[in-house]
Protein backbone atom coordinates (compact mmCIF):
# COMPACT_ATOMS: atom_id res chain seq x y z
CA UNK A 1 0.00 0.00 0.00
CA UNK A 2 2.79 2.44 0.89
CA UNK A 3 4.49 1.82 -2.47
CA UNK A 4 1.24 2.36 -4.38
CA UNK A 5 0.51 5.50 -2.39
CA UNK A 6 4.01 6.82 -3.17
CA UNK A 7 3.49 6.13 -6.87
CA UNK A 8 0.23 8.10 -6.82
CA UNK A 9 1.94 11.07 -5.18
CA UNK A 10 4.78 11.02 -7.74
CA UNK A 11 2.31 10.82 -10.60
CA UNK A 12 0.40 13.82 -9.26
CA UNK A 13 3.61 15.83 -9.03
CA UNK A 14 4.56 14.98 -12.61
CA UNK A 15 1.13 15.94 -13.93
CA UNK A 16 1.03 19.23 -12.07
CA UNK A 17 4.55 20.13 -13.17
CA UNK A 18 3.41 20.07 -16.79
CA UNK A 19 1.12 22.98 -15.98
CA UNK A 20 3.23 25.07 -13.59
CA UNK A 21 6.90 25.67 -13.17
CA UNK A 22 9.23 28.17 -11.53
CA UNK A 23 10.56 31.04 -13.57
CA UNK A 24 12.31 34.29 -12.84
CA UNK A 25 12.43 37.28 -15.18
CA UNK A 26 15.27 39.79 -15.14
CA UNK A 27 12.88 42.24 -13.54
CA UNK A 28 11.89 40.03 -10.60
CA UNK A 29 13.90 39.73 -7.42
CA UNK A 30 12.31 36.40 -6.51
CA UNK A 31 11.09 33.40 -8.45
CA UNK A 32 7.43 33.37 -9.42
CA UNK A 33 5.15 30.51 -10.39
CA UNK A 34 4.69 30.58 -14.15
CA UNK A 35 1.32 29.37 -15.34
CA UNK A 36 1.74 27.83 -18.78
CA UNK A 37 -1.87 28.59 -19.80
CA UNK A 38 -2.12 29.90 -23.36
CA UNK A 39 1.50 28.92 -24.09
CA UNK A 40 0.74 25.19 -23.85
CA UNK A 41 0.07 24.92 -27.60
CA UNK A 42 2.63 26.95 -29.60
CA UNK A 43 0.70 26.15 -32.80
CA UNK A 44 -2.35 28.00 -31.50
CA UNK A 45 -1.11 30.95 -29.45
CA UNK A 46 -4.03 33.17 -28.39
CA UNK A 47 -6.18 34.02 -25.39
CA UNK A 48 -5.86 35.96 -22.13
CA UNK A 49 -3.13 36.15 -19.53
CA UNK A 50 -5.28 36.74 -16.48
CA UNK A 51 -4.59 38.32 -13.11
CA UNK A 52 -1.98 36.37 -11.16
CA UNK A 53 -0.78 34.40 -14.17
CA UNK A 54 2.81 34.51 -15.40
CA UNK A 55 3.00 32.99 -18.86
CA UNK A 56 6.54 32.24 -20.02
CA UNK A 57 7.20 31.26 -23.62
CA UNK A 58 9.80 28.72 -24.72
CA UNK A 59 12.50 30.21 -26.96
CA UNK A 60 13.06 26.84 -28.66
CA UNK A 61 9.54 26.92 -30.14
CA UNK A 62 7.83 29.06 -32.78
CA UNK A 63 4.53 30.49 -31.52
CA UNK A 64 1.80 30.82 -34.13
CA UNK A 65 -0.37 33.80 -33.20
CA UNK A 66 -3.84 32.70 -34.31
CA UNK A 67 -5.79 35.45 -32.57
CA UNK A 68 -5.50 38.17 -29.99
CA UNK A 69 -3.36 37.74 -26.89
CA UNK A 70 -4.49 40.11 -24.13
CA UNK A 71 -2.41 40.54 -21.00
CA UNK A 72 -4.95 41.54 -18.39
CA UNK A 73 -4.51 43.62 -15.22
CA UNK A 74 -2.22 41.62 -12.92
CA UNK A 75 -1.04 39.25 -15.65
CA UNK A 76 2.48 38.94 -16.99
CA UNK A 77 3.77 37.66 -20.33
CA UNK A 78 7.48 36.76 -20.49
CA UNK A 79 9.08 36.28 -23.91
CA UNK A 80 12.73 35.13 -23.69
CA UNK A 81 15.54 36.07 -26.05
CA UNK A 82 15.34 34.34 -29.41
CA UNK A 83 11.62 33.62 -29.26
CA UNK A 84 9.80 33.85 -32.61
CA UNK A 85 6.12 34.77 -32.82
CA UNK A 86 4.59 34.33 -36.28
CA UNK A 87 1.09 35.72 -36.77
CA UNK A 88 -1.48 34.34 -39.13
CA UNK A 89 -2.39 36.87 -41.80
CA UNK A 90 -5.39 38.42 -40.09
CA UNK A 91 -6.51 41.51 -38.19
CA UNK A 92 -7.47 39.29 -35.26
CA UNK A 93 -3.80 38.51 -34.64
CA UNK A 94 -2.26 41.04 -32.27
CA UNK A 95 -0.90 41.38 -28.73
CA UNK A 96 -2.46 43.89 -26.33
CA UNK A 97 -1.15 44.63 -22.84
CA UNK A 98 -3.89 46.21 -20.75
CA UNK A 99 -3.47 48.63 -17.84
CA UNK A 100 -1.86 46.79 -14.96
CA UNK A 101 -0.63 43.99 -17.22
CA UNK A 102 3.05 43.58 -18.05
CA UNK A 103 5.10 42.22 -20.94
CA UNK A 104 8.78 41.28 -20.64
CA UNK A 105 10.09 40.70 -24.16
CA UNK A 106 13.83 40.83 -23.56
CA UNK A 107 16.03 39.74 -26.42
CA UNK A 108 19.71 40.34 -27.09
CA UNK A 109 21.57 41.70 -30.10
CA UNK A 110 22.43 38.10 -31.06
CA UNK A 111 18.96 36.72 -30.24
CA UNK A 112 16.23 39.31 -30.58
CA UNK A 113 12.58 38.62 -29.89
CA UNK A 114 10.82 38.74 -33.27
CA UNK A 115 7.21 39.29 -34.33
CA UNK A 116 6.32 38.58 -37.96
CA UNK A 117 3.52 37.14 -40.06
CA UNK A 118 3.09 33.94 -42.01
CA UNK A 119 2.52 36.02 -45.16
CA UNK A 120 5.71 38.07 -44.58
CA UNK A 121 4.20 41.05 -46.40
CA UNK A 122 3.51 44.55 -45.13
CA UNK A 123 0.19 44.90 -43.37
CA UNK A 124 -0.53 41.19 -42.96
CA UNK A 125 -1.16 41.13 -39.19
CA UNK A 126 -1.90 43.51 -36.32
CA UNK A 127 0.94 44.64 -34.08
CA UNK A 128 1.87 45.23 -30.44
CA UNK A 129 -0.24 47.53 -28.24
CA UNK A 130 0.57 48.58 -24.66
CA UNK A 131 -1.83 50.57 -22.46
CA UNK A 132 -0.54 52.22 -19.30
CA UNK A 133 -1.68 54.53 -16.51
CA UNK A 134 0.42 57.63 -17.26
CA UNK A 135 -1.27 60.97 -18.10
CA UNK A 136 -2.81 61.84 -21.48
CA UNK A 137 -4.51 65.06 -22.58
CA UNK A 138 -7.65 63.55 -24.11
CA UNK A 139 -9.30 63.15 -20.70
CA UNK A 140 -8.45 61.49 -17.42
CA UNK A 141 -8.61 58.18 -19.26
CA UNK A 142 -9.42 57.08 -22.79
CA UNK A 143 -9.96 53.85 -24.73
CA UNK A 144 -7.72 52.46 -27.47
CA UNK A 145 -9.35 52.42 -30.88
CA UNK A 146 -8.22 48.82 -31.28
CA UNK A 147 -9.23 46.46 -28.50
CA UNK A 148 -11.21 49.11 -26.57
CA UNK A 149 -8.71 49.00 -23.70
CA UNK A 150 -8.53 51.82 -21.14
CA UNK A 151 -5.37 53.92 -20.89
CA UNK A 152 -4.22 57.08 -19.15
CA UNK A 153 -4.35 58.19 -15.54
CA UNK A 154 -2.05 59.87 -13.03
CA UNK A 155 0.79 57.35 -12.58
CA UNK A 156 3.81 58.98 -14.22
CA UNK A 157 6.07 56.09 -13.24
CA UNK A 158 3.69 53.31 -14.27
CA UNK A 159 5.47 50.10 -15.31
CA UNK A 160 4.09 48.02 -18.19
CA UNK A 161 7.21 45.84 -18.39
CA UNK A 162 10.23 45.78 -20.66
CA UNK A 163 10.91 45.58 -24.39
CA UNK A 164 14.56 45.17 -25.36
CA UNK A 165 15.99 43.95 -28.67
CA UNK A 166 12.57 43.42 -30.21
CA UNK A 167 11.86 43.38 -33.96
CA UNK A 168 8.33 43.84 -35.31
CA UNK A 169 7.88 43.15 -39.02
CA UNK A 170 5.02 43.36 -41.55
CA UNK A 171 2.45 44.75 -39.11
CA UNK A 172 -0.22 47.36 -39.83
CA UNK A 173 -3.21 45.47 -41.22
CA UNK A 174 -6.59 47.24 -41.41
CA UNK A 175 -8.55 46.70 -38.20
CA UNK A 176 -11.62 48.36 -39.68
CA UNK A 177 -12.40 50.64 -42.61
CA UNK A 178 -10.63 53.72 -41.23
CA UNK A 179 -8.36 52.19 -38.58
CA UNK A 180 -5.01 50.47 -39.04
CA UNK A 181 -2.62 48.95 -36.55
CA UNK A 182 0.76 50.59 -36.00
CA UNK A 183 3.77 48.36 -35.53
CA UNK A 184 4.09 49.45 -31.88
CA UNK A 185 1.44 51.57 -30.16
CA UNK A 186 2.15 53.01 -26.69
CA UNK A 187 -0.98 54.41 -25.00
CA UNK A 188 -0.33 56.34 -21.78
CA UNK A 189 2.74 54.24 -21.02
CA UNK A 190 4.72 55.23 -17.92
CA UNK A 191 8.37 56.05 -17.39
CA UNK A 192 9.24 52.84 -15.51
CA UNK A 193 8.50 50.85 -18.66
CA UNK A 194 11.69 50.00 -20.55
CA UNK A 195 11.66 50.45 -24.35
CA UNK A 196 15.13 49.97 -25.82
CA UNK A 197 16.54 48.56 -29.06
CA UNK A 198 13.28 48.32 -30.99
CA UNK A 199 13.02 47.82 -34.75
CA UNK A 200 9.76 48.21 -36.66
CA UNK A 201 10.22 47.10 -40.24
CA UNK A 202 8.09 47.01 -43.40
CA UNK A 203 4.75 47.90 -41.84
CA UNK A 204 1.67 49.27 -43.57
CA UNK A 205 1.03 52.11 -41.10
CA UNK A 206 3.11 54.13 -38.62
CA UNK A 207 6.17 52.43 -37.22
CA UNK A 208 5.81 53.64 -33.61
CA UNK A 209 3.12 55.91 -32.21
CA UNK A 210 2.90 57.30 -28.69
CA UNK A 211 -0.43 58.48 -27.29
CA UNK A 212 0.54 60.59 -24.29
CA UNK A 213 2.45 59.03 -21.42
CA UNK A 214 5.88 59.55 -19.94
CA UNK A 215 7.81 56.59 -21.36
CA UNK A 216 11.40 57.07 -22.57
CA UNK A 217 12.84 55.25 -25.59
CA UNK A 218 16.38 54.41 -26.68
CA UNK A 219 17.77 52.95 -29.93
CA UNK A 220 14.79 53.00 -32.26
CA UNK A 221 14.84 51.74 -35.86
CA UNK A 222 11.80 52.41 -38.06
CA UNK A 223 12.43 51.50 -41.69
CA UNK A 224 10.30 50.78 -44.75
CA UNK A 225 6.99 51.63 -43.08
CA UNK A 226 4.23 52.96 -45.30
CA UNK A 227 3.10 55.84 -43.10
CA UNK A 228 5.06 57.91 -40.57
CA UNK A 229 8.16 56.39 -38.99
CA UNK A 230 7.74 57.87 -35.48
CA UNK A 231 4.71 59.75 -34.16
CA UNK A 232 3.55 61.29 -30.89
CA UNK A 233 0.30 62.92 -29.78
CA UNK A 234 -1.98 63.44 -26.77
CA UNK A 235 0.60 64.82 -24.34
CA UNK A 236 3.73 62.66 -24.56
CA UNK A 237 6.46 64.16 -22.36
CA UNK A 238 9.20 61.53 -22.53
CA UNK A 239 12.60 61.40 -24.19
CA UNK A 240 14.06 59.44 -27.08
CA UNK A 241 17.73 58.93 -27.84
CA UNK A 242 18.95 57.38 -31.10
CA UNK A 243 16.33 57.14 -33.84
CA UNK A 244 17.22 55.82 -37.27
CA UNK A 245 14.49 55.90 -39.93
CA UNK A 246 14.54 55.18 -43.62
CA UNK A 247 11.76 55.35 -46.16
CA UNK A 248 11.17 52.66 -48.79
CA UNK A 249 13.28 53.25 -51.88
CA UNK A 250 10.03 53.53 -53.88
CA UNK A 251 9.22 56.69 -51.93
CA UNK A 252 6.23 55.10 -50.19
CA UNK A 253 5.81 56.60 -46.73
CA UNK A 254 5.15 59.88 -45.01
CA UNK A 255 7.14 61.89 -42.49
CA UNK A 256 10.19 60.68 -40.61
CA UNK A 257 8.88 62.21 -37.38
CA UNK A 258 5.43 63.69 -36.79
CA UNK A 259 4.56 65.36 -33.52
CA UNK A 260 1.38 67.00 -32.29
CA UNK A 261 -0.17 67.91 -28.98
CA UNK A 262 -3.85 67.18 -29.53
CA UNK A 263 -5.69 66.90 -32.84
CA UNK A 264 -8.72 68.91 -31.67
CA UNK A 265 -7.30 71.12 -28.91
CA UNK A 266 -3.84 72.50 -29.60
CA UNK A 267 -3.41 73.73 -26.03
CA UNK A 268 -4.67 70.63 -24.20
CA UNK A 269 -2.80 69.73 -21.01
CA UNK A 270 -0.46 68.04 -20.33
CA UNK A 271 1.14 69.36 -23.48
CA UNK A 272 3.32 67.13 -25.64
CA UNK A 273 6.90 68.18 -24.89
CA UNK A 274 9.44 65.46 -25.70
CA UNK A 275 13.20 65.73 -25.92
CA UNK A 276 14.80 64.04 -28.96
CA UNK A 277 18.53 63.48 -29.41
CA UNK A 278 20.70 61.68 -31.94
CA UNK A 279 18.34 61.41 -34.91
CA UNK A 280 18.95 60.25 -38.50
CA UNK A 281 16.02 60.50 -40.92
CA UNK A 282 16.48 59.30 -44.51
CA UNK A 283 13.79 60.02 -47.06
CA UNK A 284 13.57 59.22 -50.76
CA UNK A 285 13.49 61.13 -54.02
CA UNK A 286 9.67 60.88 -54.12
CA UNK A 287 6.84 60.71 -51.60
CA UNK A 288 6.07 62.87 -48.56
CA UNK A 289 8.19 66.00 -48.44
CA UNK A 290 8.60 66.61 -44.69
CA UNK A 291 11.31 65.04 -42.56
CA UNK A 292 9.94 66.45 -39.27
CA UNK A 293 6.46 67.94 -38.95
CA UNK A 294 5.54 69.62 -35.64
CA UNK A 295 2.01 71.00 -35.29
CA UNK A 296 -1.27 71.25 -33.37
CA UNK A 297 0.37 72.75 -30.30
CA UNK A 298 3.22 70.37 -29.63
CA UNK A 299 6.43 71.53 -27.98
CA UNK A 300 9.72 69.67 -28.49
CA UNK A 301 13.48 70.07 -28.43
CA UNK A 302 16.02 68.45 -30.75
CA UNK A 303 19.77 67.92 -30.66
CA UNK A 304 22.18 66.21 -33.09
CA UNK A 305 19.97 65.60 -36.12
CA UNK A 306 20.89 64.36 -39.61
CA UNK A 307 18.40 64.82 -42.47
CA UNK A 308 18.82 63.54 -46.02
CA UNK A 309 16.56 63.17 -49.08
CA UNK A 310 13.67 65.41 -48.01
CA UNK A 311 12.14 68.46 -49.63
CA UNK A 312 11.49 70.05 -46.22
CA UNK A 313 13.63 69.53 -43.12
CA UNK A 314 11.61 70.94 -40.20
CA UNK A 315 8.01 72.03 -40.80
CA UNK A 316 6.62 74.00 -37.85
CA UNK A 317 2.88 74.70 -37.83
CA UNK A 318 0.26 76.25 -35.50
CA UNK A 319 0.61 79.37 -33.37
CA UNK A 320 1.67 77.78 -30.08
CA UNK A 321 4.20 75.44 -31.70
CA UNK A 322 5.72 78.27 -33.73
CA UNK A 323 5.90 80.55 -30.68
CA UNK A 324 7.64 77.87 -28.64
CA UNK A 325 10.28 77.07 -31.28
CA UNK A 326 10.81 80.14 -33.46
CA UNK A 327 13.89 82.02 -32.29
CA UNK A 328 14.21 79.92 -29.11
CA UNK A 329 17.32 77.78 -29.87
CA UNK A 330 15.56 74.51 -29.12
CA UNK A 331 16.80 72.81 -32.31
CA UNK A 332 20.54 72.30 -32.12
CA UNK A 333 23.34 70.76 -34.18
CA UNK A 334 21.52 69.79 -37.37
CA UNK A 335 23.16 68.50 -40.55
CA UNK A 336 21.03 69.18 -43.62
CA UNK A 337 22.27 67.11 -46.53
CA UNK A 338 22.34 68.87 -49.90
CA UNK A 339 19.28 66.77 -50.82
CA UNK A 340 17.17 68.83 -48.36
CA UNK A 341 15.60 71.71 -50.30
CA UNK A 342 14.08 73.78 -47.48
CA UNK A 343 15.82 73.54 -44.13
CA UNK A 344 12.91 74.94 -42.11
CA UNK A 345 9.45 76.36 -42.77
CA UNK A 346 6.83 77.78 -40.40
CA UNK A 347 3.22 78.80 -40.65
CA UNK A 348 0.58 80.08 -38.27
CA UNK A 349 -2.63 78.28 -37.40
CA UNK A 350 -4.44 80.16 -40.17
CA UNK A 351 -1.90 78.90 -42.70
CA UNK A 352 -0.06 82.17 -43.20
CA UNK A 353 3.74 81.90 -43.50
CA UNK A 354 5.97 82.88 -40.58
CA UNK A 355 9.52 84.17 -40.94
CA UNK A 356 12.07 81.85 -39.33
CA UNK A 357 14.28 83.68 -36.82
CA UNK A 358 18.06 83.04 -37.11
CA UNK A 359 18.29 81.69 -33.55
CA UNK A 360 15.66 79.00 -34.14
CA UNK A 361 18.24 76.32 -34.99
CA UNK A 362 21.96 75.74 -35.30
CA UNK A 363 23.76 73.69 -37.91
CA UNK A 364 26.66 71.29 -37.45
CA UNK A 365 28.37 69.80 -40.49
CA UNK A 366 29.83 66.89 -38.51
CA UNK A 367 26.64 65.97 -36.65
CA UNK A 368 26.48 62.20 -36.26
CA UNK A 369 22.73 61.75 -35.82
CA UNK A 370 21.91 58.20 -34.74
CA UNK A 371 25.63 57.45 -34.62
CA UNK A 372 26.99 57.16 -38.15
CA UNK A 373 25.56 60.18 -39.97
CA UNK A 374 23.56 58.81 -42.95
CA UNK A 375 25.10 55.33 -42.71
CA UNK A 376 23.65 52.52 -40.62
CA UNK A 377 24.48 53.00 -36.92
CA UNK A 378 26.66 50.34 -35.30
CA UNK A 379 24.19 49.72 -32.46
CA UNK A 380 21.51 48.62 -34.95
CA UNK A 381 23.52 46.19 -37.07
CA UNK A 382 22.15 42.65 -37.29
CA UNK A 383 19.20 42.40 -34.93
CA UNK A 384 17.23 45.17 -36.66
CA UNK A 385 17.77 43.79 -40.24
CA UNK A 386 20.27 46.59 -40.98
CA UNK A 387 23.64 45.32 -42.21
């Protein structure tokens, strides 16, 4: 009887261990119990990570994203270095981190975390969406247009997790008639969220868009996307260091950087006021003319910028944006390649032209931009698809 009883206990342990195991992310001080849950079947990766669950993927497997994965309040999704997630070609395939949920997708330069689609064509799946509790200027809170998830609040230092060495390819499918996914959408994301070494490649909409929040970003690659490479709105007040963008050689695509405060209220508070340093924006001989468009009340400051292959370098629009920047020395050390026709233009809210004051910007012929002037920066080689 004792032997049989022992066998039953051992069998129960083996069975239960197939459903739970101990795991520790880089951001945890102690081990947590990881609930396998939706990760049990890599060929059918979809569903919710619920409160109290820690779902850890297996880097040796390819996860087929067959629908939406939603990380709910109190849930945690851990994606180790080298993990591949391949979405089916559908608008239902996307990952959304809700307020209070966390994602830890931490790759390395040798083994990035990658998101792609089975079709491997631009706009053939959704993208990655993160909703945090940091302030926005569209109300105390708002709801994402995709997934109807709440975002915004008063928690400047909110923590939605960590994204490091992550590559997102071929995102941007139509969600509905007038709404497309971006590659990476950050809604009210807080400053304790880590966003470093991110590449968004060959998407059908914006590469990265920030909707308010206080998050800071480092080492951003946005190349071959069919709309804007990098966008902010709704009161983003973070920083970004090292942005490298490049338009498709066909000329498809819009601005390199587009910034606004609020589409319907130029003076909404908190006002968008990011700091951007070490920027290289490469356009093409056709397509959208503006490298950097700042309008609808946004503030911003720039330092160490390289612009090439654009008709217009900086385009400053709307009364409050023009007042903040014109003559105020907030744009420093810019290299305008000879392929840039107009270094800077400005116009008032009513569309009338504004004369640019000499102290609005300074030029620097040896500005390095993202690190290597118009050439690919060393920090982006390999993991981002740049060679």
